[in-house]
Amino acid sequence: MRQSLMILLWILFVALPVQAERDVRNSQFGGGAGVKPTDEQIATLREAGWTCPDAKQWPNAWGGQGADVEVSFPQTGGHGVGPFCRLSGGNNGYLNGYWGFPFEDTQILEVWAKGNGILRVGLMAYKLSDDHSMILPGGQMPTLDIKIKTDKWVRYRYLMRKPDYELTGHPLFMAPEGTVDIDDAKILSSNRAFDLIVAEENTLYGKDALSEDTELIHFDENARSALSKFDTAVMEFENRADELPIAITKPMRNEIKSLTPYLHSDGIKTVATVHFNQMLVLTRVLQRLAGNELKDIDGISVIGVNSEITASHYPGKRFARAGKLTITNLRSNKVRYSENEGASTEATLTNETNEAITGTIVATMILGLDSRRELARVGDFSI
């Protein structure tokens, strides 16, 4: 039996937390806030050796600096299955996003990447006066080079430390070698525990100490051995926690708590690479905090697992699954909206089982980590 049911949900959009306003604009290269480059700006880039789309095909809030860069913006296949950026070109130019907030003591630049080459990440930095009212000459921030060799989306993070002056800036990305794809660029607030974690992670890239070419990892004997080392490191950290600053122990415990469900669930057979890598990094950080002397970096031996999804991705669309009820389409009538402005979202459900399914449909909005709001309810439906 194959039947489809389409429901219409009227949604009142609400304001997001203040932190959302400090995100990198249009971090997923879609239709987010900001403006596109002008035709004149694109002409200037091309005169400087850029190979790039016309201005109207650029994502909002992204631009370029320097010379000899090749950039494109494919519309499907990104980390979020939508648009992404493909970058190559060398050392003479870079792609930049828009952020522009006063720099905290430390900030984390996060980006998902794949491809074959070197990705250079950093900050298009501007020195500020002490009262943040003027831009002064001389702002700078070191960059980080990351070797990329995978066709899977992998998360990378870079710990940036504020110099001895006030600073602002925008994220920048270069590909000195090869071609690299990027998506989901963010600049995150940090704390002393997060600083330690990302600083350690930065030392492990490209050394076979992390899994940098998979999305999922088979939870086999080797993976369980790594988990055992993590559990031991947590115990040793707790044994010494009273001797450590609470500014480290409190956020570190939060990091451990948020990671644990992904590692200690009953019947676990696979683990997302992003969580497995976080476990490996945390193990080393916790060992160091416990006063242990770390050995040389060991190469890991894990088995990657291919995703079961083989069909092409299209934004907002899923293909019906044999023998299951599937939400196959989810579309809003607006891409951009204002606070308290009404909008509608259309969802299509497809029944590929061999019998009718009845029940109640409930649509909820995820507002935060532990906060949800019911948007609509359709009772006594049958498909």
Protein backbone atom coordinates (compact mmCIF):
# COMPACT_ATOMS: atom_id res chain seq x y z
CA MET A 1 0.00 0.00 0.00
CA ARG A 2 1.38 3.37 -0.99
CA GLN A 3 -0.53 6.43 0.08
CA SER A 4 0.54 9.99 0.71
CA LEU A 5 -0.99 12.54 3.05
CA MET A 6 -0.20 16.24 2.93
CA ILE A 7 -0.74 18.42 5.99
CA LEU A 8 -0.37 22.17 6.34
CA LEU A 9 1.10 23.63 9.52
CA TRP A 10 0.67 27.34 10.31
CA ILE A 11 3.70 28.44 12.26
CA LEU A 12 4.35 31.65 14.20
CA PHE A 13 8.11 32.18 14.22
CA VAL A 14 9.63 33.46 17.45
CA ALA A 15 12.87 35.20 18.32
CA LEU A 16 15.95 33.04 18.85
CA PRO A 17 18.28 33.38 21.85
CA VAL A 18 20.71 36.28 21.75
CA GLN A 19 23.65 33.98 21.02
CA ALA A 20 22.12 33.10 17.65
CA GLU A 21 22.62 36.73 16.64
CA ARG A 22 26.39 36.25 17.01
CA ASP A 23 26.57 33.42 14.49
CA VAL A 24 28.47 33.68 11.24
CA ARG A 25 25.89 34.99 8.80
CA ASN A 26 24.53 32.47 6.30
CA SER A 27 26.95 29.83 7.56
CA GLN A 28 25.42 27.15 5.30
CA PHE A 29 25.74 29.18 2.07
CA GLY A 30 21.98 29.24 1.52
CA GLY A 31 19.50 32.10 1.71
CA GLY A 32 20.51 33.52 5.08
CA ALA A 33 20.92 37.11 6.20
CA GLY A 34 23.29 39.53 4.51
CA VAL A 35 23.85 40.89 1.02
CA LYS A 36 25.56 39.45 -2.04
CA PRO A 37 28.68 40.94 -3.62
CA THR A 38 27.97 43.55 -6.27
CA ASP A 39 28.65 43.09 -9.98
CA GLU A 40 31.50 45.58 -9.63
CA GLN A 41 33.09 43.60 -6.79
CA ILE A 42 32.91 40.37 -8.79
CA ALA A 43 34.45 42.11 -11.80
CA THR A 44 37.34 43.26 -9.59
CA LEU A 45 37.87 39.70 -8.30
CA ARG A 46 37.93 38.33 -11.84
CA GLU A 47 40.45 40.95 -12.89
CA ALA A 48 42.60 39.66 -10.02
CA GLY A 49 42.43 36.11 -11.36
CA TRP A 50 39.38 34.75 -9.55
CA THR A 51 37.21 32.09 -11.21
CA CYS A 52 33.82 32.52 -9.59
CA PRO A 53 30.05 32.74 -10.24
CA ASP A 54 28.23 35.91 -11.17
CA ALA A 55 27.20 38.14 -8.26
CA LYS A 56 23.59 36.94 -8.21
CA GLN A 57 24.79 33.33 -7.74
CA TRP A 58 26.90 34.08 -4.66
CA PRO A 59 25.46 33.30 -1.21
CA ASN A 60 24.49 36.25 0.95
CA ALA A 61 27.16 37.60 3.34
CA TRP A 62 30.14 35.94 1.60
CA GLY A 63 32.89 37.63 -0.38
CA GLY A 64 36.48 37.33 -1.52
CA GLN A 65 39.84 39.02 -1.05
CA GLY A 66 43.13 38.80 -2.94
CA ALA A 67 43.87 36.98 -6.19
CA ASP A 68 43.88 33.66 -8.05
CA VAL A 69 41.10 31.81 -6.24
CA GLU A 70 38.59 29.40 -7.77
CA VAL A 71 35.28 29.14 -5.93
CA SER A 72 31.84 27.70 -6.64
CA PHE A 73 28.70 27.06 -4.60
CA PRO A 74 27.02 23.73 -5.46
CA GLN A 75 23.39 23.72 -4.33
CA THR A 76 23.13 20.15 -3.03
CA GLY A 77 25.42 17.72 -1.25
CA GLY A 78 26.54 19.94 1.64
CA HIS A 79 26.93 18.82 5.23
CA GLY A 80 23.31 19.79 5.78
CA VAL A 81 22.50 18.24 2.32
CA GLY A 82 21.97 21.76 0.92
CA PRO A 83 24.47 24.26 -0.55
CA PHE A 84 28.18 24.35 0.25
CA CYS A 85 31.37 26.04 -0.95
CA ARG A 86 34.05 24.44 -3.17
CA LEU A 87 37.39 26.21 -2.91
CA SER A 88 40.81 26.01 -4.55
CA GLY A 89 43.45 28.45 -5.63
CA GLY A 90 46.63 28.90 -3.62
CA ASN A 91 48.15 31.43 -1.27
CA ASN A 92 47.12 34.74 -2.83
CA GLY A 93 43.47 35.05 -1.87
CA TYR A 94 40.73 33.80 0.40
CA LEU A 95 36.98 33.52 0.87
CA ASN A 96 35.53 35.42 3.80
CA GLY A 97 32.24 35.27 5.65
CA TYR A 98 30.70 37.86 7.95
CA TRP A 99 30.84 37.87 11.77
CA GLY A 100 32.06 41.22 13.11
CA PHE A 101 31.58 40.99 16.89
CA PRO A 102 34.08 41.99 19.60
CA PHE A 103 36.47 39.09 20.12
CA GLU A 104 36.35 37.29 23.46
CA ASP A 105 39.51 36.01 25.19
CA THR A 106 39.21 32.86 23.09
CA GLN A 107 36.88 31.85 20.27
CA ILE A 108 36.50 28.58 18.39
CA LEU A 109 36.28 28.61 14.59
CA GLU A 110 34.36 25.51 13.52
CA VAL A 111 33.84 24.25 9.97
CA TRP A 112 32.90 21.00 8.26
CA ALA A 113 35.15 20.04 5.34
CA LYS A 114 35.95 17.35 2.78
CA GLY A 115 38.04 17.08 -0.37
CA ASN A 116 41.69 16.56 -1.22
CA GLY A 117 44.08 19.34 -0.30
CA ILE A 118 44.95 21.76 2.47
CA LEU A 119 42.36 23.96 4.15
CA ARG A 120 43.69 27.12 5.78
CA VAL A 121 41.34 28.69 8.33
CA GLY A 122 41.63 31.92 10.26
CA LEU A 123 40.25 35.36 10.94
CA MET A 124 40.13 38.39 8.68
CA ALA A 125 41.13 40.47 11.70
CA TYR A 126 40.57 44.12 12.58
CA LYS A 127 42.18 45.80 15.57
CA LEU A 128 39.71 47.85 17.64
CA SER A 129 40.11 50.77 19.98
CA ASP A 130 39.56 49.92 23.65
CA ASP A 131 36.00 51.22 23.52
CA HIS A 132 35.30 49.33 20.25
CA SER A 133 34.36 52.58 18.51
CA MET A 134 37.18 52.67 15.93
CA ILE A 135 39.03 50.26 13.66
CA LEU A 136 42.80 50.70 13.98
CA PRO A 137 45.66 49.42 11.80
CA GLY A 138 47.53 46.29 12.79
CA GLY A 139 44.98 43.57 13.60
CA GLN A 140 46.02 39.99 12.88
CA MET A 141 45.34 36.38 13.86
CA PRO A 142 47.47 33.32 13.02
CA THR A 143 45.95 30.76 10.65
CA LEU A 144 45.75 26.98 10.92
CA ASP A 145 46.49 24.59 8.03
CA ILE A 146 44.51 21.33 7.97
CA LYS A 147 45.26 18.49 5.56
CA ILE A 148 42.03 17.16 4.06
CA LYS A 149 41.76 13.82 2.27
CA THR A 150 38.25 12.41 2.45
CA ASP A 151 34.95 12.39 0.58
CA LYS A 152 33.07 12.46 3.91
CA TRP A 153 32.13 15.59 5.82
CA VAL A 154 34.43 15.94 8.85
CA ARG A 155 34.23 18.57 11.59
CA TYR A 156 37.32 20.69 12.24
CA ARG A 157 37.84 23.30 14.95
CA TYR A 158 40.48 25.95 15.58
CA LEU A 159 41.25 27.65 18.89
CA MET A 160 41.84 31.37 18.34
CA ARG A 161 43.29 33.47 21.18
CA LYS A 162 42.79 37.21 21.38
CA PRO A 163 46.05 39.21 21.26
CA ASP A 164 46.80 41.97 23.77
CA TYR A 165 44.39 44.38 22.07
CA GLU A 166 40.69 44.49 21.26
CA LEU A 167 39.77 42.67 18.07
CA THR A 168 36.97 41.83 15.70
CA GLY A 169 36.87 40.10 12.32
CA HIS A 170 35.33 37.64 9.91
CA PRO A 171 36.11 33.96 9.19
CA LEU A 172 38.44 33.31 6.26
CA PHE A 173 39.14 30.15 4.29
CA MET A 174 41.88 29.33 1.78
CA ALA A 175 42.91 26.21 -0.15
CA PRO A 176 46.71 26.51 -0.67
CA GLU A 177 46.74 23.02 -2.19
CA GLY A 178 44.10 20.98 -3.98
CA THR A 179 40.35 21.44 -3.76
CA VAL A 180 38.41 21.56 -0.50
CA ASP A 181 34.68 21.76 0.23
CA ILE A 182 33.46 23.66 3.32
CA ASP A 183 30.12 24.10 5.07
CA ASP A 184 28.57 25.11 8.42
CA ALA A 185 31.15 27.72 9.39
CA LYS A 186 30.78 29.02 12.95
CA ILE A 187 32.65 31.15 15.47
CA LEU A 188 31.80 29.84 18.94
CA SER A 189 32.25 31.18 22.45
CA SER A 190 34.60 29.12 24.58
CA ASN A 191 35.63 28.45 28.18
CA ARG A 192 38.73 27.04 29.83
CA ALA A 193 37.67 23.42 29.32
CA PHE A 194 36.69 23.95 25.69
CA ASP A 195 40.01 25.75 25.14
CA LEU A 196 41.91 22.70 26.38
CA ILE A 197 39.87 20.32 24.23
CA VAL A 198 40.23 22.23 20.97
CA ALA A 199 43.90 23.06 21.59
CA GLU A 200 44.57 19.33 22.00
CA GLU A 201 42.50 18.51 18.93
CA ASN A 202 44.52 20.97 16.84
CA THR A 203 47.72 19.02 17.64
CA LEU A 204 46.16 15.75 16.43
CA TYR A 205 44.98 16.67 12.93
CA GLY A 206 46.76 14.80 10.15
CA LYS A 207 48.60 12.37 12.48
CA ASP A 208 46.25 9.34 12.26
CA ALA A 209 45.30 10.06 15.87
CA LEU A 210 41.69 10.85 14.90
CA SER A 211 39.34 9.38 12.33
CA GLU A 212 39.31 11.98 9.53
CA ASP A 213 37.82 9.99 6.66
CA THR A 214 34.58 8.45 7.99
CA GLU A 215 31.14 9.52 9.18
CA LEU A 216 30.33 6.45 11.27
CA ILE A 217 32.60 4.01 13.11
CA HIS A 218 31.88 0.35 13.83
CA PHE A 219 31.90 -0.09 17.61
CA ASP A 220 34.19 -3.13 17.59
CA GLU A 221 36.85 -4.36 20.00
CA ASN A 222 39.27 -1.56 19.11
CA ALA A 223 36.60 1.09 19.63
CA ARG A 224 35.60 -0.45 22.95
CA SER A 225 39.24 -0.45 24.03
CA ALA A 226 39.37 3.28 23.31
CA LEU A 227 36.16 3.73 25.32
CA SER A 228 37.73 1.86 28.24
CA LYS A 229 40.66 4.30 28.20
CA PHE A 230 38.21 7.19 28.17
CA ASP A 231 36.30 5.81 31.16
CA THR A 232 39.57 5.37 33.06
CA ALA A 233 40.59 8.93 32.21
CA VAL A 234 37.24 10.24 33.50
CA MET A 235 37.72 8.36 36.78
CA GLU A 236 41.27 9.65 37.24
CA PHE A 237 40.13 13.19 36.45
CA GLU A 238 37.39 12.98 39.09
CA ASN A 239 39.90 11.68 41.63
CA ARG A 240 41.90 14.88 41.22
CA ALA A 241 39.07 17.30 40.45
CA ASP A 242 39.16 18.95 43.90
CA GLU A 243 42.70 20.16 43.15
CA LEU A 244 41.68 21.83 39.88
CA PRO A 245 40.02 25.21 39.27
CA ILE A 246 36.24 25.06 39.11
CA ALA A 247 36.49 27.14 35.92
CA ILE A 248 37.89 23.97 34.33
CA THR A 249 36.10 21.18 36.20
CA LYS A 250 32.53 22.48 35.81
CA PRO A 251 32.53 22.92 32.00
CA MET A 252 34.65 19.76 31.61
CA ARG A 253 32.02 17.73 33.43
CA ASN A 254 29.41 19.20 31.10
CA GLU A 255 31.48 18.05 28.11
CA ILE A 256 31.73 14.54 29.57
CA LYS A 257 28.01 14.45 30.38
CA SER A 258 26.96 15.53 26.89
CA LEU A 259 29.21 12.92 25.24
CA THR A 260 28.38 9.92 27.45
CA PRO A 261 24.97 8.95 25.91
CA TYR A 262 26.61 8.49 22.51
CA LEU A 263 29.14 6.04 23.95
CA HIS A 264 27.27 4.10 26.62
CA SER A 265 23.87 3.39 25.07
CA ASP A 266 22.61 -0.20 25.26
CA GLY A 267 23.23 -2.27 22.14
CA ILE A 268 25.44 0.33 20.50
CA LYS A 269 26.86 -0.92 17.18
CA THR A 270 28.11 2.28 15.58
CA VAL A 271 29.14 5.71 16.79
CA ALA A 272 29.29 8.96 14.84
CA THR A 273 32.88 9.88 14.02
CA VAL A 274 32.42 13.35 15.52
CA HIS A 275 31.59 11.77 18.90
CA PHE A 276 34.33 9.15 18.66
CA ASN A 277 36.94 11.81 17.92
CA GLN A 278 35.66 13.91 20.80
CA MET A 279 36.17 10.90 23.07
CA LEU A 280 39.76 10.43 21.87
CA VAL A 281 40.59 14.09 22.44
CA LEU A 282 38.90 14.20 25.84
CA THR A 283 40.84 11.12 26.92
CA ARG A 284 44.13 12.92 26.39
CA VAL A 285 42.93 16.15 28.02
CA LEU A 286 41.59 14.32 31.08
CA GLN A 287 44.77 12.27 31.40
CA ARG A 288 46.81 15.44 31.41
CA LEU A 289 44.55 17.09 33.99
CA ALA A 290 44.90 13.99 36.17
CA GLY A 291 48.66 14.50 36.16
CA ASN A 292 49.51 11.61 33.88
CA GLU A 293 52.42 11.79 31.46
CA LEU A 294 51.10 11.24 27.96
CA LYS A 295 52.75 8.80 25.61
CA ASP A 296 53.47 9.49 21.97
CA ILE A 297 50.37 9.82 19.82
CA ASP A 298 49.06 6.40 18.84
CA GLY A 299 47.52 5.83 15.43
CA ILE A 300 43.95 4.59 15.72
CA SER A 301 42.60 1.45 14.08
CA VAL A 302 38.87 1.67 13.47
CA ILE A 303 36.47 0.44 10.82
CA GLY A 304 34.34 3.02 9.05
CA VAL A 305 30.71 2.26 8.24
CA ASN A 306 29.05 3.50 5.08
CA SER A 307 25.80 5.38 5.49
CA GLU A 308 22.68 3.47 4.42
CA ILE A 309 21.54 6.52 2.43
CA THR A 310 22.57 6.09 -1.20
CA ALA A 311 20.05 8.30 -3.01
CA SER A 312 20.90 11.86 -3.99
CA HIS A 313 20.04 14.53 -1.41
CA TYR A 314 17.65 17.36 -2.11
CA PRO A 315 16.91 20.10 0.43
CA GLY A 316 13.72 19.35 2.36
CA LYS A 317 13.10 16.03 0.59
CA ARG A 318 13.38 12.40 1.68
CA PHE A 319 12.63 9.35 -0.41
CA ALA A 320 9.95 6.91 0.74
CA ARG A 321 11.36 3.87 2.55
CA ALA A 322 10.07 0.39 1.81
CA GLY A 323 7.87 -0.96 4.60
CA LYS A 324 7.85 2.30 6.56
CA LEU A 325 5.96 5.55 7.08
CA THR A 326 8.16 8.42 5.87
CA ILE A 327 7.97 12.20 5.88
CA THR A 328 9.00 12.64 2.25
CA ASN A 329 8.68 16.39 1.82
CA LEU A 330 8.89 19.40 4.15
CA ARG A 331 8.55 22.88 2.66
CA SER A 332 7.98 26.34 4.10
CA ASN A 333 6.35 29.10 2.09
CA LYS A 334 9.09 31.50 3.21
CA VAL A 335 12.87 31.37 3.28
CA ARG A 336 13.26 34.54 5.33
CA TYR A 337 10.84 35.78 7.94
CA SER A 338 10.51 38.40 10.66
CA GLU A 339 9.79 37.87 14.34
CA ASN A 340 6.10 37.05 15.01
CA GLU A 341 5.37 36.84 11.28
CA GLY A 342 3.07 34.04 10.21
CA ALA A 343 4.25 31.35 7.81
CA SER A 344 3.15 27.91 6.69
CA THR A 345 5.00 24.63 6.36
CA GLU A 346 3.73 21.78 4.22
CA ALA A 347 4.60 18.19 5.12
CA THR A 348 3.94 15.07 3.03
CA LEU A 349 3.71 11.63 4.67
CA THR A 350 4.03 8.48 2.56
CA ASN A 351 2.94 5.01 3.71
CA GLU A 352 4.96 2.18 2.13
CA THR A 353 3.72 -0.51 4.54
CA ASN A 354 1.17 -3.18 3.59
CA GLU A 355 -1.60 -1.86 5.84
CA ALA A 356 -3.29 1.39 6.78
CA ILE A 357 -1.75 3.51 9.54
CA THR A 358 -3.96 5.58 11.84
CA GLY A 359 -3.15 7.91 14.69
CA THR A 360 -2.34 11.52 15.55
CA ILE A 361 0.23 13.75 13.85
CA VAL A 362 2.03 16.22 16.10
CA ALA A 363 4.44 18.87 14.78
CA THR A 364 6.90 20.41 17.25
CA MET A 365 9.54 23.10 16.99
CA ILE A 366 12.89 22.49 18.69
CA LEU A 367 13.74 25.78 20.40
CA GLY A 368 16.85 24.66 22.26
CA LEU A 369 18.63 21.66 23.73
CA ASP A 370 15.82 20.90 26.19
CA SER A 371 13.03 23.11 24.91
CA ARG A 372 10.27 22.28 22.43
CA ARG A 373 6.94 23.82 21.47
CA GLU A 374 3.97 22.08 19.87
CA LEU A 375 2.97 23.81 16.63
CA ALA A 376 0.10 21.72 15.30
CA ARG A 377 -1.83 18.51 15.93
CA VAL A 378 -3.95 16.47 13.51
CA GLY A 379 -6.05 13.77 15.18
CA ASP A 380 -7.75 10.66 13.83
CA PHE A 381 -5.87 10.61 10.55
CA SER A 382 -5.56 7.52 8.39
CA ILE A 383 -3.14 6.82 5.57
